PDB file of N, CA and C in Angstrom:
ATOM      1  N   MET A   1      30.041   4.862 -18.583  1.00  0.00           N
ATOM      2  CA  MET A   1      29.296   3.855 -19.272  1.00  0.00           C
ATOM      3  C   MET A   1      27.901   3.789 -18.665  1.00  0.00           C
ATOM      4  N   GLU A   2      26.984   3.242 -19.415  1.00  0.00           N
ATOM      5  CA  GLU A   2      25.621   3.052 -18.930  1.00  0.00           C
ATOM      6  C   GLU A   2      25.420   1.578 -18.610  1.00  0.00           C
ATOM      7  N   ILE A   3      24.927   1.313 -17.413  1.00  0.00           N
ATOM      8  CA  ILE A   3      24.656  -0.055 -16.983  1.00  0.00           C
ATOM      9  C   ILE A   3      23.148  -0.233 -16.936  1.00  0.00           C
ATOM     10  N   GLN A   4      22.652  -1.192 -17.684  1.00  0.00           N
ATOM     11  CA  GLN A   4      21.221  -1.471 -17.701  1.00  0.00           C
ATOM     12  C   GLN A   4      20.878  -2.488 -16.623  1.00  0.00           C
ATOM     13  N   ASN A   5      19.836  -2.193 -15.878  1.00  0.00           N
ATOM     14  CA  ASN A   5      19.355  -3.086 -14.838  1.00  0.00           C
ATOM     15  C   ASN A   5      17.888  -3.372 -15.156  1.00  0.00           C
ATOM     16  N   PRO A   6      17.523  -4.617 -15.448  1.00  0.00           N
ATOM     17  CA  PRO A   6      16.144  -4.897 -15.859  1.00  0.00           C
ATOM     18  C   PRO A   6      15.097  -4.578 -14.790  1.00  0.00           C
ATOM     19  N   ASN A   7      15.504  -4.495 -13.525  1.00  0.00           N
ATOM     20  CA  ASN A   7      14.552  -4.245 -12.438  1.00  0.00           C
ATOM     21  C   ASN A   7      14.623  -2.834 -11.883  1.00  0.00           C
ATOM     22  N   ALA A   8      15.429  -1.955 -12.493  1.00  0.00           N
ATOM     23  CA  ALA A   8      15.584  -0.599 -11.956  1.00  0.00           C
ATOM     24  C   ALA A   8      15.986   0.350 -13.082  1.00  0.00           C
ATOM     25  N   THR A   9      16.137   1.609 -12.731  1.00  0.00           N
ATOM     26  CA  THR A   9      16.563   2.603 -13.705  1.00  0.00           C
ATOM     27  C   THR A   9      18.021   2.377 -14.084  1.00  0.00           C
ATOM     28  N   PRO A  10      18.453   2.895 -15.245  1.00  0.00           N
ATOM     29  CA  PRO A  10      19.857   2.718 -15.644  1.00  0.00           C
ATOM     30  C   PRO A  10      20.813   3.394 -14.664  1.00  0.00           C
ATOM     31  N   ILE A  11      22.051   2.934 -14.673  1.00  0.00           N
ATOM     32  CA  ILE A  11      23.099   3.483 -13.808  1.00  0.00           C
ATOM     33  C   ILE A  11      24.193   4.057 -14.703  1.00  0.00           C
ATOM     34  N   TYR A  12      24.653   5.277 -14.379  1.00  0.00           N
ATOM     35  CA  TYR A  12      25.812   5.862 -15.044  1.00  0.00           C
ATOM     36  C   TYR A  12      27.018   5.527 -14.188  1.00  0.00           C
ATOM     37  N   ALA A  13      28.083   5.006 -14.788  1.00  0.00           N
ATOM     38  CA  ALA A  13      29.283   4.652 -14.032  1.00  0.00           C
ATOM     39  C   ALA A  13      30.527   5.164 -14.741  1.00  0.00           C
ATOM     40  N   SER A  14      31.522   5.552 -13.955  1.00  0.00           N
ATOM     41  CA  SER A  14      32.814   5.963 -14.506  1.00  0.00           C
ATOM     42  C   SER A  14      33.910   5.500 -13.550  1.00  0.00           C
ATOM     43  N   ALA A  15      35.124   5.392 -14.075  1.00  0.00           N
ATOM     44  CA  ALA A  15      36.248   4.962 -13.253  1.00  0.00           C
ATOM     45  C   ALA A  15      37.490   5.768 -13.616  1.00  0.00           C
ATOM     46  N   SER A  16      38.345   5.980 -12.621  1.00  0.00           N
ATOM     47  CA  SER A  16      39.627   6.660 -12.810  1.00  0.00           C
ATOM     48  C   SER A  16      40.717   5.810 -12.176  1.00  0.00           C
ATOM     49  N   PHE A  17      41.883   5.810 -12.794  1.00  0.00           N
ATOM     50  CA  PHE A  17      43.002   5.005 -12.305  1.00  0.00           C
ATOM     51  C   PHE A  17      44.229   5.887 -12.139  1.00  0.00           C
ATOM     52  N   ALA A  18      45.053   5.575 -11.120  1.00  0.00           N
ATOM     53  CA  ALA A  18      46.265   6.358 -10.879  1.00  0.00           C
ATOM     54  C   ALA A  18      47.312   5.474 -10.200  1.00  0.00           C
ATOM     55  N   PRO A  19      48.584   5.728 -10.478  1.00  0.00           N
ATOM     56  CA  PRO A  19      49.639   4.965  -9.806  1.00  0.00           C
ATOM     57  C   PRO A  19      49.752   5.386  -8.342  1.00  0.00           C
ATOM     58  N   LEU A  20      50.098   4.444  -7.489  1.00  0.00           N
ATOM     59  CA  LEU A  20      50.312   4.717  -6.072  1.00  0.00           C
ATOM     60  C   LEU A  20      51.810   4.722  -5.785  1.00  0.00           C
ATOM     61  N   THR A  21      52.201   5.307  -4.676  1.00  0.00           N
ATOM     62  CA  THR A  21      53.618   5.354  -4.316  1.00  0.00           C
ATOM     63  C   THR A  21      54.181   3.962  -4.054  1.00  0.00           C
ATOM     64  N   SER A  22      53.309   2.984  -3.784  1.00  0.00           N
ATOM     65  CA  SER A  22      53.748   1.612  -3.524  1.00  0.00           C
ATOM     66  C   SER A  22      54.117   0.872  -4.812  1.00  0.00           C
ATOM     67  N   GLY A  23      53.881   1.507  -5.963  1.00  0.00           N
ATOM     68  CA  GLY A  23      54.145   0.864  -7.231  1.00  0.00           C
ATOM     69  C   GLY A  23      52.918   0.171  -7.806  1.00  0.00           C
ATOM     70  N   GLN A  24      51.883   0.044  -7.007  1.00  0.00           N
ATOM     71  CA  GLN A  24      50.629  -0.522  -7.500  1.00  0.00           C
ATOM     72  C   GLN A  24      49.768   0.597  -8.080  1.00  0.00           C
ATOM     73  N   SER A  25      48.595   0.251  -8.521  1.00  0.00           N
ATOM     74  CA  SER A  25      47.697   1.293  -9.004  1.00  0.00           C
ATOM     75  C   SER A  25      46.418   1.277  -8.187  1.00  0.00           C
ATOM     76  N   GLY A  26      45.805   2.432  -8.097  1.00  0.00           N
ATOM     77  CA  GLY A  26      44.553   2.579  -7.375  1.00  0.00           C
ATOM     78  C   GLY A  26      43.469   3.006  -8.345  1.00  0.00           C
ATOM     79  N   ALA A  27      42.241   2.806  -7.938  1.00  0.00           N
ATOM     80  CA  ALA A  27      41.121   3.170  -8.796  1.00  0.00           C
ATOM     81  C   ALA A  27      39.998   3.742  -7.949  1.00  0.00           C
ATOM     82  N   VAL A  28      39.235   4.616  -8.566  1.00  0.00           N
ATOM     83  CA  VAL A  28      38.034   5.176  -7.963  1.00  0.00           C
ATOM     84  C   VAL A  28      36.928   5.012  -8.988  1.00  0.00           C
ATOM     85  N   TYR A  29      35.776   4.542  -8.543  1.00  0.00           N
ATOM     86  CA  TYR A  29      34.658   4.505  -9.476  1.00  0.00           C
ATOM     87  C   TYR A  29      33.457   5.213  -8.871  1.00  0.00           C
ATOM     88  N   ASP A  30      32.642   5.756  -9.736  1.00  0.00           N
ATOM     89  CA  ASP A  30      31.402   6.423  -9.363  1.00  0.00           C
ATOM     90  C   ASP A  30      30.261   5.702 -10.067  1.00  0.00           C
ATOM     91  N   ALA A  31      29.163   5.545  -9.370  1.00  0.00           N
ATOM     92  CA  ALA A  31      27.944   5.002  -9.967  1.00  0.00           C
ATOM     93  C   ALA A  31      26.802   5.914  -9.548  1.00  0.00           C
ATOM     94  N   ILE A  32      26.022   6.369 -10.510  1.00  0.00           N
ATOM     95  CA  ILE A  32      24.950   7.321 -10.246  1.00  0.00           C
ATOM     96  C   ILE A  32      23.647   6.736 -10.765  1.00  0.00           C
ATOM     97  N   GLN A  33      22.635   6.734  -9.886  1.00  0.00           N
ATOM     98  CA  GLN A  33      21.352   6.141 -10.254  1.00  0.00           C
ATOM     99  C   GLN A  33      20.212   6.917  -9.615  1.00  0.00           C
ATOM    100  N   TYR A  34      19.128   7.068 -10.366  1.00  0.00           N
ATOM    101  CA  TYR A  34      17.905   7.663  -9.835  1.00  0.00           C
ATOM    102  C   TYR A  34      17.036   6.543  -9.287  1.00  0.00           C
ATOM    103  N   VAL A  35      16.514   6.727  -8.075  1.00  0.00           N
ATOM    104  CA  VAL A  35      15.553   5.780  -7.509  1.00  0.00           C
ATOM    105  C   VAL A  35      14.269   6.530  -7.186  1.00  0.00           C
ATOM    106  N   GLN A  36      13.141   5.842  -7.255  1.00  0.00           N
ATOM    107  CA  GLN A  36      11.856   6.501  -7.077  1.00  0.00           C
ATOM    108  C   GLN A  36      11.491   6.737  -5.620  1.00  0.00           C
ATOM    109  N   GLN A  37      12.195   6.111  -4.699  1.00  0.00           N
ATOM    110  CA  GLN A  37      11.934   6.331  -3.274  1.00  0.00           C
ATOM    111  C   GLN A  37      12.592   7.639  -2.824  1.00  0.00           C
ATOM    112  N   SER A  38      12.113   8.179  -1.716  1.00  0.00           N
ATOM    113  CA  SER A  38      12.700   9.402  -1.166  1.00  0.00           C
ATOM    114  C   SER A  38      14.101   9.111  -0.619  1.00  0.00           C
ATOM    115  N   CYS A  39      14.910  10.149  -0.516  1.00  0.00           N
ATOM    116  CA  CYS A  39      16.263   9.979   0.042  1.00  0.00           C
ATOM    117  C   CYS A  39      16.195   9.502   1.485  1.00  0.00           C
ATOM    118  N   ASP A  40      15.202   9.955   2.233  1.00  0.00           N
ATOM    119  CA  ASP A  40      15.037   9.516   3.613  1.00  0.00           C
ATOM    120  C   ASP A  40      14.799   8.002   3.656  1.00  0.00           C
ATOM    121  N   TYR A  41      13.942   7.508   2.781  1.00  0.00           N
ATOM    122  CA  TYR A  41      13.679   6.065   2.698  1.00  0.00           C
ATOM    123  C   TYR A  41      14.948   5.309   2.316  1.00  0.00           C
ATOM    124  N   VAL A  42      15.659   5.807   1.299  1.00  0.00           N
ATOM    125  CA  VAL A  42      16.881   5.147   0.827  1.00  0.00           C
ATOM    126  C   VAL A  42      17.909   5.060   1.954  1.00  0.00           C
ATOM    127  N   GLU A  43      18.091   6.169   2.678  1.00  0.00           N
ATOM    128  CA  GLU A  43      19.056   6.180   3.781  1.00  0.00           C
ATOM    129  C   GLU A  43      18.674   5.188   4.871  1.00  0.00           C
ATOM    130  N   LYS A  44      17.410   5.164   5.264  1.00  0.00           N
ATOM    131  CA  LYS A  44      16.975   4.357   6.407  1.00  0.00           C
ATOM    132  C   LYS A  44      16.729   2.890   6.079  1.00  0.00           C
ATOM    133  N   ASN A  45      16.534   2.556   4.804  1.00  0.00           N
ATOM    134  CA  ASN A  45      16.207   1.178   4.450  1.00  0.00           C
ATOM    135  C   ASN A  45      17.266   0.496   3.587  1.00  0.00           C
ATOM    136  N   ILE A  46      17.754   1.177   2.574  1.00  0.00           N
ATOM    137  CA  ILE A  46      18.719   0.560   1.662  1.00  0.00           C
ATOM    138  C   ILE A  46      20.137   0.657   2.220  1.00  0.00           C
ATOM    139  N   PHE A  47      20.488   1.818   2.769  1.00  0.00           N
ATOM    140  CA  PHE A  47      21.843   2.028   3.309  1.00  0.00           C
ATOM    141  C   PHE A  47      21.827   2.155   4.829  1.00  0.00           C
ATOM    142  N   LYS A  48      20.965   1.397   5.492  1.00  0.00           N
ATOM    143  CA  LYS A  48      20.801   1.515   6.939  1.00  0.00           C
ATOM    144  C   LYS A  48      22.060   1.175   7.724  1.00  0.00           C
ATOM    145  N   GLY A  49      22.990   0.433   7.142  1.00  0.00           N
ATOM    146  CA  GLY A  49      24.220   0.074   7.836  1.00  0.00           C
ATOM    147  C   GLY A  49      25.329   1.106   7.730  1.00  0.00           C
ATOM    148  N   LEU A  50      25.105   2.159   6.931  1.00  0.00           N
ATOM    149  CA  LEU A  50      26.127   3.195   6.757  1.00  0.00           C
ATOM    150  C   LEU A  50      25.887   4.355   7.719  1.00  0.00           C
ATOM    151  N   LYS A  51      26.970   5.001   8.098  1.00  0.00           N
ATOM    152  CA  LYS A  51      26.903   6.117   9.046  1.00  0.00           C
ATOM    153  C   LYS A  51      26.718   7.436   8.297  1.00  0.00           C
ATOM    154  N   ARG A  52      25.772   8.241   8.739  1.00  0.00           N
ATOM    155  CA  ARG A  52      25.596   9.577   8.164  1.00  0.00           C
ATOM    156  C   ARG A  52      26.729  10.465   8.670  1.00  0.00           C
ATOM    157  N   THR A  53      27.466  11.059   7.746  1.00  0.00           N
ATOM    158  CA  THR A  53      28.566  11.938   8.142  1.00  0.00           C
ATOM    159  C   THR A  53      28.190  13.401   8.056  1.00  0.00           C
ATOM    160  N   GLY A  54      27.034  13.698   7.512  1.00  0.00           N
ATOM    161  CA  GLY A  54      26.575  15.079   7.469  1.00  0.00           C
ATOM    162  C   GLY A  54      25.823  15.401   6.195  1.00  0.00           C
ATOM    163  N   ILE A  55      25.608  16.682   6.021  1.00  0.00           N
ATOM    164  CA  ILE A  55      24.957  17.216   4.830  1.00  0.00           C
ATOM    165  C   ILE A  55      25.967  18.134   4.162  1.00  0.00           C
ATOM    166  N   LEU A  56      26.141  17.980   2.834  1.00  0.00           N
ATOM    167  CA  LEU A  56      27.172  18.767   2.146  1.00  0.00           C
ATOM    168  C   LEU A  56      26.957  20.263   2.308  1.00  0.00           C
ATOM    169  N   ARG A  57      25.759  20.712   2.075  1.00  0.00           N
ATOM    170  CA  ARG A  57      25.457  22.126   2.277  1.00  0.00           C
ATOM    171  C   ARG A  57      24.056  22.278   2.825  1.00  0.00           C
ATOM    172  N   LYS A  58      23.065  21.901   1.992  1.00  0.00           N
ATOM    173  CA  LYS A  58      21.675  22.049   2.413  1.00  0.00           C
ATOM    174  C   LYS A  58      20.863  20.772   2.247  1.00  0.00           C
ATOM    175  N   ASP A  59      21.020  20.096   1.115  1.00  0.00           N
ATOM    176  CA  ASP A  59      20.133  18.984   0.796  1.00  0.00           C
ATOM    177  C   ASP A  59      20.815  17.648   0.554  1.00  0.00           C
ATOM    178  N   ILE A  60      22.093  17.613   0.240  1.00  0.00           N
ATOM    179  CA  ILE A  60      22.759  16.362  -0.137  1.00  0.00           C
ATOM    180  C   ILE A  60      23.352  15.694   1.101  1.00  0.00           C
ATOM    181  N   VAL A  61      22.844  14.501   1.411  1.00  0.00           N
ATOM    182  CA  VAL A  61      23.275  13.739   2.584  1.00  0.00           C
ATOM    183  C   VAL A  61      24.487  12.892   2.211  1.00  0.00           C
ATOM    184  N   ALA A  62      25.491  12.865   3.084  1.00  0.00           N
ATOM    185  CA  ALA A  62      26.693  12.052   2.888  1.00  0.00           C
ATOM    186  C   ALA A  62      26.676  10.894   3.872  1.00  0.00           C
ATOM    187  N   LEU A  63      26.899   9.676   3.349  1.00  0.00           N
ATOM    188  CA  LEU A  63      26.974   8.469   4.167  1.00  0.00           C
ATOM    189  C   LEU A  63      28.350   7.841   4.009  1.00  0.00           C
ATOM    190  N   ASP A  64      28.865   7.239   5.076  1.00  0.00           N
ATOM    191  CA  ASP A  64      30.204   6.663   5.048  1.00  0.00           C
ATOM    192  C   ASP A  64      30.137   5.165   5.273  1.00  0.00           C
ATOM    193  N   GLY A  65      30.754   4.422   4.360  1.00  0.00           N
ATOM    194  CA  GLY A  65      30.856   2.978   4.501  1.00  0.00           C
ATOM    195  C   GLY A  65      32.294   2.519   4.396  1.00  0.00           C
ATOM    196  N   GLY A  66      33.233   3.336   4.905  1.00  0.00           N
ATOM    197  CA  GLY A  66      34.656   2.996   4.810  1.00  0.00           C
ATOM    198  C   GLY A  66      35.202   3.402   3.461  1.00  0.00           C
ATOM    199  N   SER A  67      35.518   2.430   2.610  1.00  0.00           N
ATOM    200  CA  SER A  67      36.070   2.759   1.294  1.00  0.00           C
ATOM    201  C   SER A  67      34.992   3.251   0.325  1.00  0.00           C
ATOM    202  N   VAL A  68      33.742   3.119   0.702  1.00  0.00           N
ATOM    203  CA  VAL A  68      32.646   3.595  -0.142  1.00  0.00           C
ATOM    204  C   VAL A  68      31.937   4.767   0.534  1.00  0.00           C
ATOM    205  N   LYS A  69      31.640   5.769  -0.260  1.00  0.00           N
ATOM    206  CA  LYS A  69      30.891   6.938   0.199  1.00  0.00           C
ATOM    207  C   LYS A  69      29.626   7.007  -0.649  1.00  0.00           C
ATOM    208  N   ILE A  70      28.508   7.319  -0.013  1.00  0.00           N
ATOM    209  CA  ILE A  70      27.230   7.444  -0.700  1.00  0.00           C
ATOM    210  C   ILE A  70      26.720   8.863  -0.484  1.00  0.00           C
ATOM    211  N   PHE A  71      26.261   9.473  -1.556  1.00  0.00           N
ATOM    212  CA  PHE A  71      25.652  10.800  -1.486  1.00  0.00           C
ATOM    213  C   PHE A  71      24.227  10.673  -1.989  1.00  0.00           C
ATOM    214  N   LEU A  72      23.261  11.202  -1.229  1.00  0.00           N
ATOM    215  CA  LEU A  72      21.854  11.131  -1.578  1.00  0.00           C
ATOM    216  C   LEU A  72      21.354  12.534  -1.887  1.00  0.00           C
ATOM    217  N   MET A  73      20.892  12.734  -3.115  1.00  0.00           N
ATOM    218  CA  MET A  73      20.462  14.053  -3.564  1.00  0.00           C
ATOM    219  C   MET A  73      18.996  13.999  -3.986  1.00  0.00           C
ATOM    220  N   PRO A  74      18.121  14.760  -3.308  1.00  0.00           N
ATOM    221  CA  PRO A  74      16.716  14.761  -3.682  1.00  0.00           C
ATOM    222  C   PRO A  74      16.532  15.184  -5.140  1.00  0.00           C
ATOM    223  N   ALA A  75      15.581  14.514  -5.818  1.00  0.00           N
ATOM    224  CA  ALA A  75      15.273  14.832  -7.215  1.00  0.00           C
ATOM    225  C   ALA A  75      13.788  14.571  -7.436  1.00  0.00           C
ATOM    226  N   GLY A  76      12.990  15.612  -7.475  1.00  0.00           N
ATOM    227  CA  GLY A  76      11.545  15.435  -7.603  1.00  0.00           C
ATOM    228  C   GLY A  76      11.023  14.662  -6.410  1.00  0.00           C
ATOM    229  N   THR A  77      10.277  13.603  -6.673  1.00  0.00           N
ATOM    230  CA  THR A  77       9.770  12.773  -5.574  1.00  0.00           C
ATOM    231  C   THR A  77      10.717  11.637  -5.238  1.00  0.00           C
ATOM    232  N   GLY A  78      11.808  11.499  -6.001  1.00  0.00           N
ATOM    233  CA  GLY A  78      12.774  10.417  -5.788  1.00  0.00           C
ATOM    234  C   GLY A  78      14.104  10.925  -5.267  1.00  0.00           C
ATOM    235  N   CYS A  79      15.151  10.153  -5.564  1.00  0.00           N
ATOM    236  CA  CYS A  79      16.476  10.445  -5.027  1.00  0.00           C
ATOM    237  C   CYS A  79      17.543  10.003  -6.027  1.00  0.00           C
ATOM    238  N   ILE A  80      18.553  10.810  -6.191  1.00  0.00           N
ATOM    239  CA  ILE A  80      19.720  10.415  -6.978  1.00  0.00           C
ATOM    240  C   ILE A  80      20.752   9.879  -5.993  1.00  0.00           C
ATOM    241  N   VAL A  81      21.183   8.643  -6.232  1.00  0.00           N
ATOM    242  CA  VAL A  81      22.163   7.976  -5.375  1.00  0.00           C
ATOM    243  C   VAL A  81      23.506   8.022  -6.095  1.00  0.00           C
ATOM    244  N   ILE A  82      24.502   8.616  -5.439  1.00  0.00           N
ATOM    245  CA  ILE A  82      25.854   8.702  -5.992  1.00  0.00           C
ATOM    246  C   ILE A  82      26.760   7.857  -5.104  1.00  0.00           C
ATOM    247  N   LYS A  83      27.311   6.799  -5.697  1.00  0.00           N
ATOM    248  CA  LYS A  83      28.193   5.892  -4.955  1.00  0.00           C
ATOM    249  C   LYS A  83      29.612   6.122  -5.453  1.00  0.00           C
ATOM    250  N   LYS A  84      30.526   6.386  -4.535  1.00  0.00           N
ATOM    251  CA  LYS A  84      31.931   6.618  -4.861  1.00  0.00           C
ATOM    252  C   LYS A  84      32.754   5.651  -4.025  1.00  0.00           C
ATOM    253  N   GLU A  85      33.587   4.853  -4.712  1.00  0.00           N
ATOM    254  CA  GLU A  85      34.384   3.859  -3.982  1.00  0.00           C
ATOM    255  C   GLU A  85      35.813   3.848  -4.459  1.00  0.00           C
ATOM    256  N   VAL A  86      36.737   3.757  -3.493  1.00  0.00           N
ATOM    257  CA  VAL A  86      38.159   3.640  -3.783  1.00  0.00           C
ATOM    258  C   VAL A  86      38.509   2.159  -3.739  1.00  0.00           C
ATOM    259  N   VAL A  87      39.160   1.680  -4.806  1.00  0.00           N
ATOM    260  CA  VAL A  87      39.544   0.279  -4.914  1.00  0.00           C
ATOM    261  C   VAL A  87      41.052   0.228  -5.110  1.00  0.00           C
ATOM    262  N   GLN A  88      41.741  -0.601  -4.327  1.00  0.00           N
ATOM    263  CA  GLN A  88      43.192  -0.721  -4.466  1.00  0.00           C
ATOM    264  C   GLN A  88      43.582  -2.164  -4.686  1.00  0.00           C
TER     265      GLN A  88
END
């Protein structure tokens, strides 16, 4: 789905659901957004409380916030922010 934010660029979001062995269900959602700041700025200012876990290969930075993972991918002069979270 597309989420409109009046103060920022649109966000693409998707969700997946699956049964758990406990009989409950779990969900994972992704939210993807382009921001005009550099990935370095986004990491150091917006997600400053998250731990950098590494670089996927060459350019995509992975950040860990427990149940939420953030991936920062350079795009032109800005950054694509990919947020992935497991919800139970």
